[in-house]
N, C-alpha and C. Protein backbone atom coordinates (compact mmCIF):
# COMPACT_ATOMS: atom_id res chain seq x y z
N UNK A 1 0.84 -1.17 0.00
CA UNK A 1 0.00 0.00 0.00
C UNK A 1 0.89 1.24 0.00
N UNK A 2 0.56 2.19 -0.86
CA UNK A 2 1.28 3.46 -0.93
C UNK A 2 0.49 4.50 -0.15
N UNK A 3 1.19 5.19 0.75
CA UNK A 3 0.54 6.15 1.64
C UNK A 3 1.08 7.55 1.37
N UNK A 4 0.16 8.48 1.19
CA UNK A 4 0.51 9.90 1.09
C UNK A 4 0.36 10.48 2.48
N UNK A 5 1.45 10.97 3.05
CA UNK A 5 1.44 11.53 4.40
C UNK A 5 1.43 13.04 4.30
N UNK A 6 0.41 13.65 4.92
CA UNK A 6 0.27 15.10 4.90
C UNK A 6 0.06 15.60 6.33
N UNK A 7 0.31 16.87 6.53
CA UNK A 7 0.01 17.49 7.83
C UNK A 7 -0.01 19.00 7.66
N UNK A 8 -0.53 19.66 8.66
CA UNK A 8 -0.49 21.12 8.73
C UNK A 8 -1.08 21.80 7.49
N UNK A 9 -2.24 21.34 7.09
CA UNK A 9 -2.96 21.98 5.98
C UNK A 9 -3.37 23.39 6.40
N UNK A 10 -3.78 23.52 7.63
CA UNK A 10 -4.18 24.82 8.20
C UNK A 10 -5.17 25.58 7.31
N UNK A 11 -6.14 24.83 6.76
CA UNK A 11 -7.23 25.43 5.98
C UNK A 11 -6.75 26.18 4.74
N UNK A 12 -5.60 25.78 4.21
CA UNK A 12 -5.09 26.37 2.98
C UNK A 12 -5.46 25.42 1.84
N UNK A 13 -6.65 25.59 1.31
CA UNK A 13 -7.18 24.68 0.30
C UNK A 13 -6.31 24.66 -0.96
N UNK A 14 -5.83 25.81 -1.37
CA UNK A 14 -4.99 25.87 -2.58
C UNK A 14 -3.75 25.00 -2.42
N UNK A 15 -3.09 25.10 -1.29
CA UNK A 15 -1.90 24.28 -1.05
C UNK A 15 -2.26 22.80 -0.97
N UNK A 16 -3.37 22.49 -0.30
CA UNK A 16 -3.83 21.11 -0.17
C UNK A 16 -4.08 20.51 -1.56
N UNK A 17 -4.80 21.23 -2.40
CA UNK A 17 -5.07 20.75 -3.76
C UNK A 17 -3.78 20.59 -4.57
N UNK A 18 -2.84 21.48 -4.36
CA UNK A 18 -1.56 21.41 -5.08
C UNK A 18 -0.78 20.17 -4.68
N UNK A 19 -0.77 19.85 -3.40
CA UNK A 19 -0.09 18.64 -2.94
C UNK A 19 -0.73 17.41 -3.57
N UNK A 20 -2.05 17.36 -3.56
CA UNK A 20 -2.73 16.21 -4.16
C UNK A 20 -2.44 16.10 -5.65
N UNK A 21 -2.44 17.22 -6.33
CA UNK A 21 -2.14 17.22 -7.77
C UNK A 21 -0.71 16.75 -8.02
N UNK A 22 0.22 17.24 -7.21
CA UNK A 22 1.62 16.87 -7.37
C UNK A 22 1.83 15.37 -7.11
N UNK A 23 1.05 14.81 -6.20
CA UNK A 23 1.17 13.38 -5.89
C UNK A 23 0.59 12.51 -7.01
N UNK A 24 -0.15 13.11 -7.92
CA UNK A 24 -0.64 12.45 -9.14
C UNK A 24 -1.40 11.15 -8.86
N UNK A 25 -2.05 11.07 -7.72
CA UNK A 25 -2.84 9.88 -7.42
C UNK A 25 -2.02 8.62 -7.23
N UNK A 26 -0.72 8.76 -7.04
CA UNK A 26 0.16 7.60 -6.89
C UNK A 26 0.21 7.15 -5.44
N UNK A 27 -0.97 7.05 -4.84
CA UNK A 27 -1.09 6.61 -3.46
C UNK A 27 -2.43 5.89 -3.31
N UNK A 28 -2.49 5.07 -2.29
CA UNK A 28 -3.72 4.31 -2.03
C UNK A 28 -4.50 4.87 -0.85
N UNK A 29 -3.80 5.56 0.02
CA UNK A 29 -4.40 6.00 1.28
C UNK A 29 -3.70 7.27 1.74
N UNK A 30 -4.41 8.13 2.43
CA UNK A 30 -3.84 9.37 2.97
C UNK A 30 -3.80 9.28 4.49
N UNK A 31 -2.64 9.57 5.04
CA UNK A 31 -2.51 9.75 6.48
C UNK A 31 -2.33 11.23 6.73
N UNK A 32 -3.24 11.81 7.46
CA UNK A 32 -3.14 13.22 7.82
C UNK A 32 -2.71 13.29 9.28
N UNK A 33 -1.61 13.96 9.52
CA UNK A 33 -1.04 14.00 10.87
C UNK A 33 -1.47 15.22 11.67
N UNK A 34 -2.56 15.83 11.28
CA UNK A 34 -3.16 16.88 12.10
C UNK A 34 -3.10 18.27 11.52
N UNK A 35 -3.88 19.13 12.15
CA UNK A 35 -4.03 20.54 11.79
C UNK A 35 -4.59 20.73 10.39
N UNK A 36 -5.75 20.15 10.18
CA UNK A 36 -6.49 20.37 8.93
C UNK A 36 -6.96 21.82 8.88
N UNK A 37 -7.35 22.37 10.03
CA UNK A 37 -7.84 23.75 10.11
C UNK A 37 -6.85 24.61 10.88
N UNK A 38 -7.08 25.92 10.80
CA UNK A 38 -6.24 26.89 11.50
C UNK A 38 -5.57 27.82 10.51
N UNK A 39 -5.62 29.09 10.79
CA UNK A 39 -4.96 30.15 10.01
C UNK A 39 -5.59 30.44 8.65
N UNK A 40 -5.75 29.44 7.81
CA UNK A 40 -6.18 29.66 6.43
C UNK A 40 -7.66 29.98 6.28
N UNK A 41 -8.05 30.40 5.07
CA UNK A 41 -9.41 30.88 4.83
C UNK A 41 -10.44 29.80 4.46
N UNK A 42 -10.01 28.54 4.36
CA UNK A 42 -10.90 27.51 3.82
C UNK A 42 -11.08 26.29 4.74
N UNK A 43 -11.50 26.49 5.98
CA UNK A 43 -11.61 25.33 6.87
C UNK A 43 -12.65 24.31 6.41
N UNK A 44 -13.82 24.78 6.00
CA UNK A 44 -14.86 23.84 5.57
C UNK A 44 -14.44 23.09 4.32
N UNK A 45 -13.92 23.80 3.37
CA UNK A 45 -13.52 23.17 2.11
C UNK A 45 -12.38 22.18 2.32
N UNK A 46 -11.47 22.49 3.23
CA UNK A 46 -10.35 21.58 3.51
C UNK A 46 -10.84 20.30 4.16
N UNK A 47 -11.74 20.43 5.13
CA UNK A 47 -12.31 19.24 5.78
C UNK A 47 -13.09 18.41 4.76
N UNK A 48 -13.88 19.08 3.95
CA UNK A 48 -14.69 18.37 2.96
C UNK A 48 -13.84 17.64 1.93
N UNK A 49 -12.76 18.26 1.48
CA UNK A 49 -11.87 17.59 0.54
C UNK A 49 -11.23 16.36 1.18
N UNK A 50 -10.76 16.51 2.40
CA UNK A 50 -10.15 15.37 3.09
C UNK A 50 -11.14 14.22 3.20
N UNK A 51 -12.39 14.54 3.49
CA UNK A 51 -13.41 13.49 3.62
C UNK A 51 -13.63 12.70 2.33
N UNK A 52 -13.33 13.29 1.20
CA UNK A 52 -13.53 12.58 -0.07
C UNK A 52 -12.43 11.56 -0.35
N UNK A 53 -11.36 11.61 0.42
CA UNK A 53 -10.20 10.75 0.20
C UNK A 53 -10.23 9.57 1.16
N UNK A 54 -9.67 8.42 0.75
CA UNK A 54 -9.50 7.34 1.72
C UNK A 54 -8.42 7.78 2.70
N UNK A 55 -8.80 7.94 3.97
CA UNK A 55 -7.85 8.58 4.88
C UNK A 55 -7.95 8.08 6.32
N UNK A 56 -6.90 8.36 7.03
CA UNK A 56 -6.83 8.27 8.48
C UNK A 56 -6.33 9.63 8.92
N UNK A 57 -7.01 10.25 9.85
CA UNK A 57 -6.62 11.60 10.25
C UNK A 57 -6.51 11.71 11.76
N UNK A 58 -5.37 12.16 12.22
CA UNK A 58 -5.18 12.49 13.62
C UNK A 58 -5.53 13.96 13.81
N UNK A 59 -6.07 14.30 14.95
CA UNK A 59 -6.38 15.70 15.24
C UNK A 59 -5.13 16.39 15.77
N UNK A 60 -4.87 17.58 15.24
CA UNK A 60 -3.77 18.40 15.73
C UNK A 60 -4.27 19.41 16.74
N UNK A 61 -3.36 20.19 17.29
CA UNK A 61 -3.76 21.15 18.31
C UNK A 61 -4.75 22.19 17.77
N UNK A 62 -4.60 22.61 16.53
CA UNK A 62 -5.55 23.58 15.96
C UNK A 62 -6.92 22.93 15.72
N UNK A 63 -6.93 21.67 15.37
CA UNK A 63 -8.20 20.96 15.20
C UNK A 63 -8.93 20.86 16.54
N UNK A 64 -8.21 20.41 17.57
CA UNK A 64 -8.82 20.31 18.90
C UNK A 64 -9.29 21.67 19.39
N UNK A 65 -8.50 22.69 19.17
CA UNK A 65 -8.87 24.04 19.62
C UNK A 65 -10.13 24.53 18.91
N UNK A 66 -10.22 24.29 17.62
CA UNK A 66 -11.40 24.72 16.86
C UNK A 66 -12.66 24.00 17.33
N UNK A 67 -12.50 22.82 17.87
CA UNK A 67 -13.64 22.07 18.41
C UNK A 67 -13.93 22.42 19.86
N UNK A 68 -13.14 23.32 20.44
CA UNK A 68 -13.33 23.72 21.82
C UNK A 68 -12.82 22.71 22.82
N UNK A 69 -11.96 21.83 22.39
CA UNK A 69 -11.44 20.77 23.26
C UNK A 69 -10.01 21.03 23.74
N UNK A 70 -9.50 22.21 23.47
CA UNK A 70 -8.15 22.57 23.89
C UNK A 70 -8.16 24.03 24.31
N UNK A 71 -7.59 24.30 25.46
CA UNK A 71 -7.50 25.66 25.98
C UNK A 71 -6.55 26.47 25.10
N UNK A 72 -7.05 27.57 24.55
CA UNK A 72 -6.23 28.35 23.62
C UNK A 72 -5.47 29.48 24.30
N UNK A 73 -5.53 29.56 25.61
CA UNK A 73 -4.80 30.63 26.30
C UNK A 73 -3.29 30.53 26.09
N UNK A 74 -2.81 29.34 25.78
CA UNK A 74 -1.36 29.18 25.54
C UNK A 74 -0.99 29.47 24.08
N UNK A 75 -1.97 29.66 23.22
CA UNK A 75 -1.71 29.98 21.82
C UNK A 75 -1.27 31.44 21.70
N UNK A 76 -0.49 31.74 20.69
CA UNK A 76 -0.12 33.14 20.46
C UNK A 76 -1.36 33.91 19.99
N UNK A 77 -1.34 35.24 20.07
CA UNK A 77 -2.54 36.02 19.73
C UNK A 77 -3.08 35.76 18.32
N UNK A 78 -2.21 35.60 17.34
CA UNK A 78 -2.69 35.32 15.98
C UNK A 78 -3.38 33.96 15.90
N UNK A 79 -2.82 32.98 16.56
CA UNK A 79 -3.42 31.65 16.57
C UNK A 79 -4.77 31.67 17.28
N UNK A 80 -4.87 32.41 18.38
CA UNK A 80 -6.16 32.53 19.07
C UNK A 80 -7.23 33.15 18.16
N UNK A 81 -6.85 34.20 17.45
CA UNK A 81 -7.80 34.82 16.50
C UNK A 81 -8.23 33.81 15.44
N UNK A 82 -7.27 33.07 14.92
CA UNK A 82 -7.57 32.08 13.89
C UNK A 82 -8.51 31.00 14.43
N UNK A 83 -8.26 30.55 15.64
CA UNK A 83 -9.12 29.53 16.25
C UNK A 83 -10.54 30.06 16.41
N UNK A 84 -10.66 31.26 16.95
CA UNK A 84 -12.00 31.82 17.15
C UNK A 84 -12.73 32.01 15.83
N UNK A 85 -12.03 32.48 14.80
CA UNK A 85 -12.65 32.64 13.49
C UNK A 85 -13.07 31.29 12.93
N UNK A 86 -12.20 30.29 13.08
CA UNK A 86 -12.50 28.96 12.57
C UNK A 86 -13.71 28.37 13.29
N UNK A 87 -13.79 28.55 14.61
CA UNK A 87 -14.95 28.06 15.35
C UNK A 87 -16.24 28.66 14.81
N UNK A 88 -16.21 29.94 14.50
CA UNK A 88 -17.39 30.63 13.98
C UNK A 88 -17.71 30.23 12.54
N UNK A 89 -16.72 29.76 11.81
CA UNK A 89 -16.85 29.50 10.38
C UNK A 89 -17.21 28.05 10.07
N UNK A 90 -16.69 27.12 10.84
CA UNK A 90 -16.96 25.70 10.57
C UNK A 90 -18.45 25.40 10.66
N UNK A 91 -18.94 24.67 9.70
CA UNK A 91 -20.34 24.23 9.75
C UNK A 91 -20.46 23.07 10.74
N UNK A 92 -21.65 22.85 11.27
CA UNK A 92 -21.83 21.72 12.19
C UNK A 92 -21.38 20.39 11.59
N UNK A 93 -21.62 20.19 10.30
CA UNK A 93 -21.23 18.94 9.64
C UNK A 93 -19.71 18.74 9.67
N UNK A 94 -18.98 19.83 9.66
CA UNK A 94 -17.52 19.73 9.62
C UNK A 94 -16.87 19.76 10.99
N UNK A 95 -17.68 19.63 12.02
CA UNK A 95 -17.13 19.52 13.37
C UNK A 95 -17.30 18.10 13.91
N UNK A 96 -17.75 17.21 13.06
CA UNK A 96 -17.97 15.81 13.47
C UNK A 96 -16.72 14.99 13.29
């Protein structure tokens, strides 16, 4: 089995799509090592694209924070803003 290992997408859909295009489908499964959301402008689209792929995904600190399961007081101010924006932006379907 060929595995495409990705991480730290941080809701950057353009970069995520570019990685998939560059990999040219020469993989059987995707392992995502966390941080699908955070910072970038496309949290819903990034989650939705990942869901279309055969994948295993671990939650990263930004993922947990966006779900309200991690205290963000230790995050830097920019990361806190990104988490709060992501919480407000994610649809209920994309928090499952």
